C-alpha atoms as a PDB file:
ATOM      1  CA  UNK A   1      -0.060   0.031   0.290  1.00  0.00           C
ATOM      2  CA  UNK A   2       1.423   3.306  -0.496  1.00  0.00           C
ATOM      3  CA  UNK A   3       2.502   5.748   1.631  1.00  0.00           C
ATOM      4  CA  UNK A   4      -1.584   7.741   2.795  1.00  0.00           C
ATOM      5  CA  UNK A   5      -0.447  11.424   3.847  1.00  0.00           C
ATOM      6  CA  UNK A   6      -2.268  12.916   7.101  1.00  0.00           C
ATOM      7  CA  UNK A   7      -2.604  16.937   5.942  1.00  0.00           C
ATOM      8  CA  UNK A   8      -3.395  19.703   8.297  1.00  0.00           C
ATOM      9  CA  UNK A   9      -5.455  22.699   7.075  1.00  0.00           C
ATOM     10  CA  UNK A  10      -5.206  25.950   8.311  1.00  0.00           C
ATOM     11  CA  UNK A  11      -8.027  28.381   6.529  1.00  0.00           C
ATOM     12  CA  UNK A  12      -6.614  31.671   7.274  1.00  0.00           C
ATOM     13  CA  UNK A  13      -8.692  34.981   7.585  1.00  0.00           C
ATOM     14  CA  UNK A  14      -6.020  37.344   6.860  1.00  0.00           C
ATOM     15  CA  UNK A  15      -8.038  40.661   6.626  1.00  0.00           C
ATOM     16  CA  UNK A  16      -6.833  41.082  10.345  1.00  0.00           C
ATOM     17  CA  UNK A  17      -2.918  41.813  11.115  1.00  0.00           C
ATOM     18  CA  UNK A  18      -0.883  39.318  10.769  1.00  0.00           C
ATOM     19  CA  UNK A  19      -3.770  36.600   9.959  1.00  0.00           C
ATOM     20  CA  UNK A  20      -5.670  34.056  12.055  1.00  0.00           C
ATOM     21  CA  UNK A  21      -6.585  31.000  11.652  1.00  0.00           C
ATOM     22  CA  UNK A  22     -10.322  30.202  11.854  1.00  0.00           C
ATOM     23  CA  UNK A  23     -13.024  27.210  11.826  1.00  0.00           C
ATOM     24  CA  UNK A  24     -16.319  26.686  10.926  1.00  0.00           C
ATOM     25  CA  UNK A  25     -18.685  24.001   9.927  1.00  0.00           C
ATOM     26  CA  UNK A  26     -20.784  23.843   6.621  1.00  0.00           C
ATOM     27  CA  UNK A  27     -18.403  27.158   5.899  1.00  0.00           C
ATOM     28  CA  UNK A  28     -20.803  28.703   8.334  1.00  0.00           C
ATOM     29  CA  UNK A  29     -20.661  29.490  12.531  1.00  0.00           C
ATOM     30  CA  UNK A  30     -16.274  30.321  11.875  1.00  0.00           C
ATOM     31  CA  UNK A  31     -14.198  30.421  15.723  1.00  0.00           C
ATOM     32  CA  UNK A  32     -10.508  31.346  15.913  1.00  0.00           C
ATOM     33  CA  UNK A  33      -8.390  28.297  15.637  1.00  0.00           C
ATOM     34  CA  UNK A  34      -4.950  30.433  16.187  1.00  0.00           C
ATOM     35  CA  UNK A  35      -1.826  31.875  14.481  1.00  0.00           C
ATOM     36  CA  UNK A  36      -0.939  30.283  11.042  1.00  0.00           C
ATOM     37  CA  UNK A  37       2.960  30.436  11.456  1.00  0.00           C
ATOM     38  CA  UNK A  38       2.526  28.727  15.006  1.00  0.00           C
ATOM     39  CA  UNK A  39      -0.007  26.103  13.855  1.00  0.00           C
ATOM     40  CA  UNK A  40       1.703  25.486  10.425  1.00  0.00           C
ATOM     41  CA  UNK A  41       5.203  24.644  12.975  1.00  0.00           C
ATOM     42  CA  UNK A  42       3.451  22.576  15.706  1.00  0.00           C
ATOM     43  CA  UNK A  43       2.033  20.252  13.132  1.00  0.00           C
ATOM     44  CA  UNK A  44       5.494  20.372  11.208  1.00  0.00           C
ATOM     45  CA  UNK A  45       6.962  19.108  14.775  1.00  0.00           C
ATOM     46  CA  UNK A  46       4.311  16.180  15.292  1.00  0.00           C
ATOM     47  CA  UNK A  47       4.704  14.795  12.156  1.00  0.00           C
ATOM     48  CA  UNK A  48       2.518  16.302   9.251  1.00  0.00           C
ATOM     49  CA  UNK A  49       3.106  15.281   5.743  1.00  0.00           C
ATOM     50  CA  UNK A  50       1.928  18.307   4.205  1.00  0.00           C
ATOM     51  CA  UNK A  51       0.433  22.296   5.136  1.00  0.00           C
ATOM     52  CA  UNK A  52      -2.450  23.711   3.491  1.00  0.00           C
ATOM     53  CA  UNK A  53      -2.906  27.073   3.362  1.00  0.00           C
ATOM     54  CA  UNK A  54      -6.562  28.504   2.433  1.00  0.00           C
ATOM     55  CA  UNK A  55      -7.007  31.998   1.946  1.00  0.00           C
ATOM     56  CA  UNK A  56     -11.019  32.324   3.319  1.00  0.00           C
ATOM     57  CA  UNK A  57     -10.787  36.323   3.290  1.00  0.00           C
ATOM     58  CA  UNK A  58      -8.882  36.193   0.068  1.00  0.00           C
ATOM     59  CA  UNK A  59      -8.669  40.013  -2.325  1.00  0.00           C
ATOM     60  CA  UNK A  60      -6.013  41.275  -4.143  1.00  0.00           C
ATOM     61  CA  UNK A  61      -5.540  43.954  -1.330  1.00  0.00           C
ATOM     62  CA  UNK A  62      -4.822  40.809   1.158  1.00  0.00           C
ATOM     63  CA  UNK A  63      -2.653  39.742  -1.145  1.00  0.00           C
ATOM     64  CA  UNK A  64       0.314  40.661   0.577  1.00  0.00           C
ATOM     65  CA  UNK A  65      -0.555  39.823   4.290  1.00  0.00           C
ATOM     66  CA  UNK A  66      -0.656  35.903   2.444  1.00  0.00           C
ATOM     67  CA  UNK A  67       3.092  36.703   1.505  1.00  0.00           C
ATOM     68  CA  UNK A  68       3.796  37.372   4.929  1.00  0.00           C
ATOM     69  CA  UNK A  69       2.195  34.675   6.153  1.00  0.00           C
ATOM     70  CA  UNK A  70       4.066  32.292   3.764  1.00  0.00           C
ATOM     71  CA  UNK A  71       7.447  33.519   4.084  1.00  0.00           C
ATOM     72  CA  UNK A  72       7.390  33.423   7.834  1.00  0.00           C
ATOM     73  CA  UNK A  73       5.914  29.631   7.889  1.00  0.00           C
ATOM     74  CA  UNK A  74       8.534  28.230   4.916  1.00  0.00           C
ATOM     75  CA  UNK A  75      11.512  29.613   7.584  1.00  0.00           C
ATOM     76  CA  UNK A  76      10.512  27.097  10.098  1.00  0.00           C
ATOM     77  CA  UNK A  77       8.270  24.433   8.194  1.00  0.00           C
ATOM     78  CA  UNK A  78      10.489  22.015   5.855  1.00  0.00           C
ATOM     79  CA  UNK A  79       7.382  19.806   4.445  1.00  0.00           C
ATOM     80  CA  UNK A  80       5.453  20.731   2.063  1.00  0.00           C
ATOM     81  CA  UNK A  81       2.975  23.839   1.729  1.00  0.00           C
ATOM     82  CA  UNK A  82       0.420  24.421  -0.404  1.00  0.00           C
ATOM     83  CA  UNK A  83      -1.742  27.676  -0.991  1.00  0.00           C
ATOM     84  CA  UNK A  84      -5.055  28.383  -2.424  1.00  0.00           C
ATOM     85  CA  UNK A  85      -7.873  31.400  -1.943  1.00  0.00           C
ATOM     86  CA  UNK A  86      -8.181  34.399  -4.224  1.00  0.00           C
ATOM     87  CA  UNK A  87      -5.274  33.086  -6.720  1.00  0.00           C
ATOM     88  CA  UNK A  88      -6.569  34.162 -10.115  1.00  0.00           C
ATOM     89  CA  UNK A  89      -4.158  33.344 -12.814  1.00  0.00           C
ATOM     90  CA  UNK A  90      -0.320  32.584 -13.662  1.00  0.00           C
ATOM     91  CA  UNK A  91       1.493  35.919 -12.031  1.00  0.00           C
ATOM     92  CA  UNK A  92      -0.549  34.652  -8.665  1.00  0.00           C
ATOM     93  CA  UNK A  93       1.014  31.661  -8.748  1.00  0.00           C
ATOM     94  CA  UNK A  94       4.762  32.493  -9.249  1.00  0.00           C
ATOM     95  CA  UNK A  95       4.294  35.059  -6.700  1.00  0.00           C
ATOM     96  CA  UNK A  96       2.849  32.489  -4.230  1.00  0.00           C
ATOM     97  CA  UNK A  97       5.482  29.629  -5.344  1.00  0.00           C
ATOM     98  CA  UNK A  98       8.252  31.935  -5.109  1.00  0.00           C
ATOM     99  CA  UNK A  99       8.084  32.972  -1.821  1.00  0.00           C
ATOM    100  CA  UNK A 100       7.893  29.808  -0.441  1.00  0.00           C
ATOM    101  CA  UNK A 101       5.160  27.822  -1.424  1.00  0.00           C
ATOM    102  CA  UNK A 102       5.399  24.309  -2.903  1.00  0.00           C
ATOM    103  CA  UNK A 103       2.267  23.647  -4.538  1.00  0.00           C
ATOM    104  CA  UNK A 104      -0.999  26.360  -5.602  1.00  0.00           C
ATOM    105  CA  UNK A 105      -4.770  25.000  -5.242  1.00  0.00           C
ATOM    106  CA  UNK A 106      -7.668  27.123  -6.961  1.00  0.00           C
ATOM    107  CA  UNK A 107     -11.180  25.787  -7.660  1.00  0.00           C
ATOM    108  CA  UNK A 108     -12.984  29.001  -7.975  1.00  0.00           C
ATOM    109  CA  UNK A 109     -10.432  30.313 -10.682  1.00  0.00           C
ATOM    110  CA  UNK A 110     -10.689  27.331 -11.844  1.00  0.00           C
ATOM    111  CA  UNK A 111     -13.482  26.311 -13.201  1.00  0.00           C
ATOM    112  CA  UNK A 112     -14.210  30.422 -14.378  1.00  0.00           C
ATOM    113  CA  UNK A 113     -11.534  29.955 -16.388  1.00  0.00           C
ATOM    114  CA  UNK A 114     -10.312  25.640 -16.857  1.00  0.00           C
ATOM    115  CA  UNK A 115      -7.164  27.188 -19.265  1.00  0.00           C
ATOM    116  CA  UNK A 116      -5.432  27.866 -16.295  1.00  0.00           C
ATOM    117  CA  UNK A 117      -4.937  24.232 -14.983  1.00  0.00           C
ATOM    118  CA  UNK A 118      -3.241  23.218 -18.194  1.00  0.00           C
ATOM    119  CA  UNK A 119      -1.259  26.562 -18.324  1.00  0.00           C
ATOM    120  CA  UNK A 120      -0.074  26.731 -15.160  1.00  0.00           C
ATOM    121  CA  UNK A 121       0.630  22.692 -14.826  1.00  0.00           C
ATOM    122  CA  UNK A 122       2.456  23.841 -18.272  1.00  0.00           C
ATOM    123  CA  UNK A 123       4.914  26.477 -16.181  1.00  0.00           C
ATOM    124  CA  UNK A 124       5.246  24.570 -13.050  1.00  0.00           C
ATOM    125  CA  UNK A 125       4.191  20.999 -13.481  1.00  0.00           C
ATOM    126  CA  UNK A 126       1.494  19.152 -12.679  1.00  0.00           C
ATOM    127  CA  UNK A 127       2.515  18.707  -9.160  1.00  0.00           C
ATOM    128  CA  UNK A 128       2.359  22.145  -8.596  1.00  0.00           C
ATOM    129  CA  UNK A 129      -1.643  22.200  -9.228  1.00  0.00           C
ATOM    130  CA  UNK A 130      -4.043  21.288  -6.657  1.00  0.00           C
ATOM    131  CA  UNK A 131      -7.378  21.725  -7.861  1.00  0.00           C
ATOM    132  CA  UNK A 132     -10.309  21.879  -4.656  1.00  0.00           C
ATOM    133  CA  UNK A 133     -13.735  21.147  -5.396  1.00  0.00           C
ATOM    134  CA  UNK A 134     -16.072  22.061  -3.455  1.00  0.00           C
ATOM    135  CA  UNK A 135     -19.181  19.697  -3.643  1.00  0.00           C
ATOM    136  CA  UNK A 136     -22.626  19.158  -2.325  1.00  0.00           C
ATOM    137  CA  UNK A 137     -25.201  16.837  -2.996  1.00  0.00           C
ATOM    138  CA  UNK A 138     -28.104  18.339  -4.305  1.00  0.00           C
ATOM    139  CA  UNK A 139     -28.842  15.613  -6.708  1.00  0.00           C
ATOM    140  CA  UNK A 140     -28.973  18.403  -9.428  1.00  0.00           C
ATOM    141  CA  UNK A 141     -26.081  16.776 -11.476  1.00  0.00           C
ATOM    142  CA  UNK A 142     -25.712  13.218 -12.397  1.00  0.00           C
ATOM    143  CA  UNK A 143     -23.470  11.638 -10.259  1.00  0.00           C
ATOM    144  CA  UNK A 144     -26.444  13.530  -7.380  1.00  0.00           C
ATOM    145  CA  UNK A 145     -23.047  15.866  -5.724  1.00  0.00           C
ATOM    146  CA  UNK A 146     -22.700  19.266  -7.569  1.00  0.00           C
ATOM    147  CA  UNK A 147     -19.622  21.880  -7.373  1.00  0.00           C
ATOM    148  CA  UNK A 148     -20.001  25.283  -5.139  1.00  0.00           C
ATOM    149  CA  UNK A 149     -17.340  27.938  -5.652  1.00  0.00           C
ATOM    150  CA  UNK A 150     -16.895  31.702  -3.857  1.00  0.00           C
ATOM    151  CA  UNK A 151     -16.228  28.949  -0.938  1.00  0.00           C
ATOM    152  CA  UNK A 152     -19.141  27.291  -0.615  1.00  0.00           C
ATOM    153  CA  UNK A 153     -21.752  30.350  -1.796  1.00  0.00           C
ATOM    154  CA  UNK A 154     -22.658  29.522  -5.270  1.00  0.00           C
ATOM    155  CA  UNK A 155     -24.015  26.802  -6.685  1.00  0.00           C
ATOM    156  CA  UNK A 156     -22.294  25.977 -10.597  1.00  0.00           C
ATOM    157  CA  UNK A 157     -24.755  23.057 -11.883  1.00  0.00           C
ATOM    158  CA  UNK A 158     -20.887  20.916 -12.481  1.00  0.00           C
ATOM    159  CA  UNK A 159     -21.414  17.726 -11.861  1.00  0.00           C
ATOM    160  CA  UNK A 160     -18.385  17.148  -9.232  1.00  0.00           C
ATOM    161  CA  UNK A 161     -17.405  13.761 -11.065  1.00  0.00           C
ATOM    162  CA  UNK A 162     -17.551  14.633 -14.639  1.00  0.00           C
ATOM    163  CA  UNK A 163     -15.372  18.287 -13.275  1.00  0.00           C
ATOM    164  CA  UNK A 164     -12.851  15.735 -11.203  1.00  0.00           C
ATOM    165  CA  UNK A 165     -12.467  14.055 -13.981  1.00  0.00           C
ATOM    166  CA  UNK A 166     -11.435  17.149 -16.372  1.00  0.00           C
ATOM    167  CA  UNK A 167      -9.262  18.555 -14.170  1.00  0.00           C
ATOM    168  CA  UNK A 168      -7.278  15.592 -14.210  1.00  0.00           C
ATOM    169  CA  UNK A 169      -7.389  16.022 -18.153  1.00  0.00           C
ATOM    170  CA  UNK A 170      -6.367  19.574 -18.150  1.00  0.00           C
ATOM    171  CA  UNK A 171      -3.094  18.758 -16.028  1.00  0.00           C
ATOM    172  CA  UNK A 172      -4.106  19.074 -12.285  1.00  0.00           C
ATOM    173  CA  UNK A 173      -1.924  17.083 -10.349  1.00  0.00           C
ATOM    174  CA  UNK A 174      -4.023  16.584  -7.743  1.00  0.00           C
ATOM    175  CA  UNK A 175      -7.628  17.144  -6.220  1.00  0.00           C
ATOM    176  CA  UNK A 176      -8.118  18.512  -3.212  1.00  0.00           C
ATOM    177  CA  UNK A 177     -11.961  17.005  -2.164  1.00  0.00           C
ATOM    178  CA  UNK A 178     -14.427  18.641   0.680  1.00  0.00           C
ATOM    179  CA  UNK A 179     -17.784  17.832   1.151  1.00  0.00           C
ATOM    180  CA  UNK A 180     -19.923  20.960   2.278  1.00  0.00           C
ATOM    181  CA  UNK A 181     -22.645  18.353   3.956  1.00  0.00           C
ATOM    182  CA  UNK A 182     -19.565  17.342   6.157  1.00  0.00           C
ATOM    183  CA  UNK A 183     -17.615  20.023   6.806  1.00  0.00           C
ATOM    184  CA  UNK A 184     -16.798  20.947  10.349  1.00  0.00           C
ATOM    185  CA  UNK A 185     -19.642  18.405  11.131  1.00  0.00           C
ATOM    186  CA  UNK A 186     -16.959  15.068  12.867  1.00  0.00           C
ATOM    187  CA  UNK A 187     -19.299  12.764  11.416  1.00  0.00           C
ATOM    188  CA  UNK A 188     -17.113  11.201   9.304  1.00  0.00           C
ATOM    189  CA  UNK A 189     -15.865  11.972   5.608  1.00  0.00           C
ATOM    190  CA  UNK A 190     -18.199  11.374   3.122  1.00  0.00           C
ATOM    191  CA  UNK A 191     -17.491   8.033   1.815  1.00  0.00           C
ATOM    192  CA  UNK A 192     -19.310   7.665  -1.169  1.00  0.00           C
ATOM    193  CA  UNK A 193     -18.105  11.336  -2.720  1.00  0.00           C
ATOM    194  CA  UNK A 194     -14.749  10.325  -2.012  1.00  0.00           C
ATOM    195  CA  UNK A 195     -15.118   6.957  -3.487  1.00  0.00           C
ATOM    196  CA  UNK A 196     -16.863   7.930  -6.671  1.00  0.00           C
ATOM    197  CA  UNK A 197     -13.954  10.240  -7.481  1.00  0.00           C
ATOM    198  CA  UNK A 198     -11.147   8.193  -6.395  1.00  0.00           C
ATOM    199  CA  UNK A 199     -12.196   5.856  -7.992  1.00  0.00           C
ATOM    200  CA  UNK A 200     -12.382   7.968 -11.154  1.00  0.00           C
ATOM    201  CA  UNK A 201      -9.377   9.438 -11.490  1.00  0.00           C
ATOM    202  CA  UNK A 202      -5.833   8.088 -11.507  1.00  0.00           C
ATOM    203  CA  UNK A 203      -4.409  11.139  -9.751  1.00  0.00           C
ATOM    204  CA  UNK A 204      -4.470  11.420  -5.574  1.00  0.00           C
ATOM    205  CA  UNK A 205      -7.042  12.764  -4.135  1.00  0.00           C
ATOM    206  CA  UNK A 206      -7.144  14.813  -0.248  1.00  0.00           C
ATOM    207  CA  UNK A 207     -10.387  13.624   1.149  1.00  0.00           C
ATOM    208  CA  UNK A 208     -11.261  16.868   3.290  1.00  0.00           C
ATOM    209  CA  UNK A 209     -14.678  17.301   5.792  1.00  0.00           C
ATOM    210  CA  UNK A 210     -16.395  16.073   8.823  1.00  0.00           C
ATOM    211  CA  UNK A 211     -13.545  14.097  10.144  1.00  0.00           C
ATOM    212  CA  UNK A 212     -14.080  13.698  13.838  1.00  0.00           C
ATOM    213  CA  UNK A 213     -11.666  10.830  15.276  1.00  0.00           C
ATOM    214  CA  UNK A 214      -8.935   9.223  13.572  1.00  0.00           C
ATOM    215  CA  UNK A 215     -11.308   6.020  12.609  1.00  0.00           C
ATOM    216  CA  UNK A 216     -12.794   8.170  10.146  1.00  0.00           C
ATOM    217  CA  UNK A 217      -9.801   8.704   8.903  1.00  0.00           C
ATOM    218  CA  UNK A 218      -9.095   5.081   8.799  1.00  0.00           C
ATOM    219  CA  UNK A 219     -12.486   4.655   6.797  1.00  0.00           C
ATOM    220  CA  UNK A 220     -11.635   7.086   4.400  1.00  0.00           C
ATOM    221  CA  UNK A 221      -8.339   5.584   3.616  1.00  0.00           C
ATOM    222  CA  UNK A 222      -9.927   2.053   3.146  1.00  0.00           C
ATOM    223  CA  UNK A 223     -13.860   2.413   1.942  1.00  0.00           C
ATOM    224  CA  UNK A 224     -13.285   6.014   0.426  1.00  0.00           C
ATOM    225  CA  UNK A 225     -10.024   5.005  -1.562  1.00  0.00           C
ATOM    226  CA  UNK A 226      -8.308   8.756  -0.623  1.00  0.00           C
ATOM    227  CA  UNK A 227      -4.503   8.986  -0.532  1.00  0.00           C
ATOM    228  CA  UNK A 228      -4.444  11.217   1.973  1.00  0.00           C
ATOM    229  CA  UNK A 229      -6.756  13.249   5.017  1.00  0.00           C
ATOM    230  CA  UNK A 230      -7.244  17.120   5.568  1.00  0.00           C
ATOM    231  CA  UNK A 231      -7.898  17.892   8.884  1.00  0.00           C
ATOM    232  CA  UNK A 232      -8.560  20.740  10.984  1.00  0.00           C
ATOM    233  CA  UNK A 233     -10.791  21.082  13.682  1.00  0.00           C
ATOM    234  CA  UNK A 234      -9.337  17.526  15.526  1.00  0.00           C
ATOM    235  CA  UNK A 235      -5.743  19.027  14.862  1.00  0.00           C
ATOM    236  CA  UNK A 236      -6.361  22.752  15.992  1.00  0.00           C
ATOM    237  CA  UNK A 237      -8.469  21.778  19.061  1.00  0.00           C
ATOM    238  CA  UNK A 238      -5.747  19.685  20.518  1.00  0.00           C
ATOM    239  CA  UNK A 239      -8.308  16.699  20.435  1.00  0.00           C
ATOM    240  CA  UNK A 240      -6.511  14.486  18.232  1.00  0.00           C
ATOM    241  CA  UNK A 241      -2.557  15.372  17.597  1.00  0.00           C
ATOM    242  CA  UNK A 242      -1.503  13.845  14.440  1.00  0.00           C
ATOM    243  CA  UNK A 243       1.037  11.109  16.177  1.00  0.00           C
ATOM    244  CA  UNK A 244      -1.756   9.920  17.525  1.00  0.00           C
ATOM    245  CA  UNK A 245      -3.727  10.085  15.079  1.00  0.00           C
ATOM    246  CA  UNK A 246      -0.630   7.882  12.681  1.00  0.00           C
ATOM    247  CA  UNK A 247       0.107   5.894  15.352  1.00  0.00           C
ATOM    248  CA  UNK A 248      -3.642   4.007  14.917  1.00  0.00           C
ATOM    249  CA  UNK A 249      -3.504   4.261  11.420  1.00  0.00           C
ATOM    250  CA  UNK A 250      -0.150   2.210  11.736  1.00  0.00           C
ATOM    251  CA  UNK A 251      -2.082  -0.179  14.262  1.00  0.00           C
ATOM    252  CA  UNK A 252      -4.635  -0.890  11.698  1.00  0.00           C
ATOM    253  CA  UNK A 253      -2.533  -1.678   8.804  1.00  0.00           C
ATOM    254  CA  UNK A 254      -2.242   2.140   7.521  1.00  0.00           C
ATOM    255  CA  UNK A 255       1.182   2.875   5.943  1.00  0.00           C
ATOM    256  CA  UNK A 256       2.060   6.220   7.233  1.00  0.00           C
ATOM    257  CA  UNK A 257       4.867   8.027   7.716  1.00  0.00           C
ATOM    258  CA  UNK A 258       5.758   8.357  11.615  1.00  0.00           C
END
């Protein structure tokens, strides 16, 4: 079995000085969780395989804040950093990569301008381009799962499965798949959604949305066929450490890096 990855996600509100990490439920009911570089350093020390930064208040004016946060984080964290939020062009991608990010994640910009996936992959390599898919069960599409953009605020009418296949064709190296129905609920990942996407693409799928305990991560690896698991609440609020989770997974026969 290939090594599975555990990835803490830092949803960053960069509208305040130095930024802050926040966590919501179903993309709403936001609460404060900590300082971005400090949390990233903590997770690095605990054995995180990668870290994802998402600027949830993205705008052109706050781009310099993100640059500062990523630069300060990259000084002390030596695992891959994926950064997303408000990235709309090759110029934006290049700027974020130049200040220490290893990968770029795009969602709204990818759906509005799919050629950005192909162009980014050609310029920086497919391993750099992670397409985020925020999906919700609406039963308005063939698979039942519909893509949302603008931080979950706008439905697109696009089928999540067909879009996943399309982003692979366009050159994405990875998919960050978030279940909007499960986000922040701690009820477990959406296994049906994750399995549907994982079994129909040949690029890694990072499962996101709903983890409440290590068993949920085990399930999404075994039943959902995910390649990596993204988590926030259980780590931010000290319910489990990354080491605790990995130790549990090892005992259950999952190949993880300790």
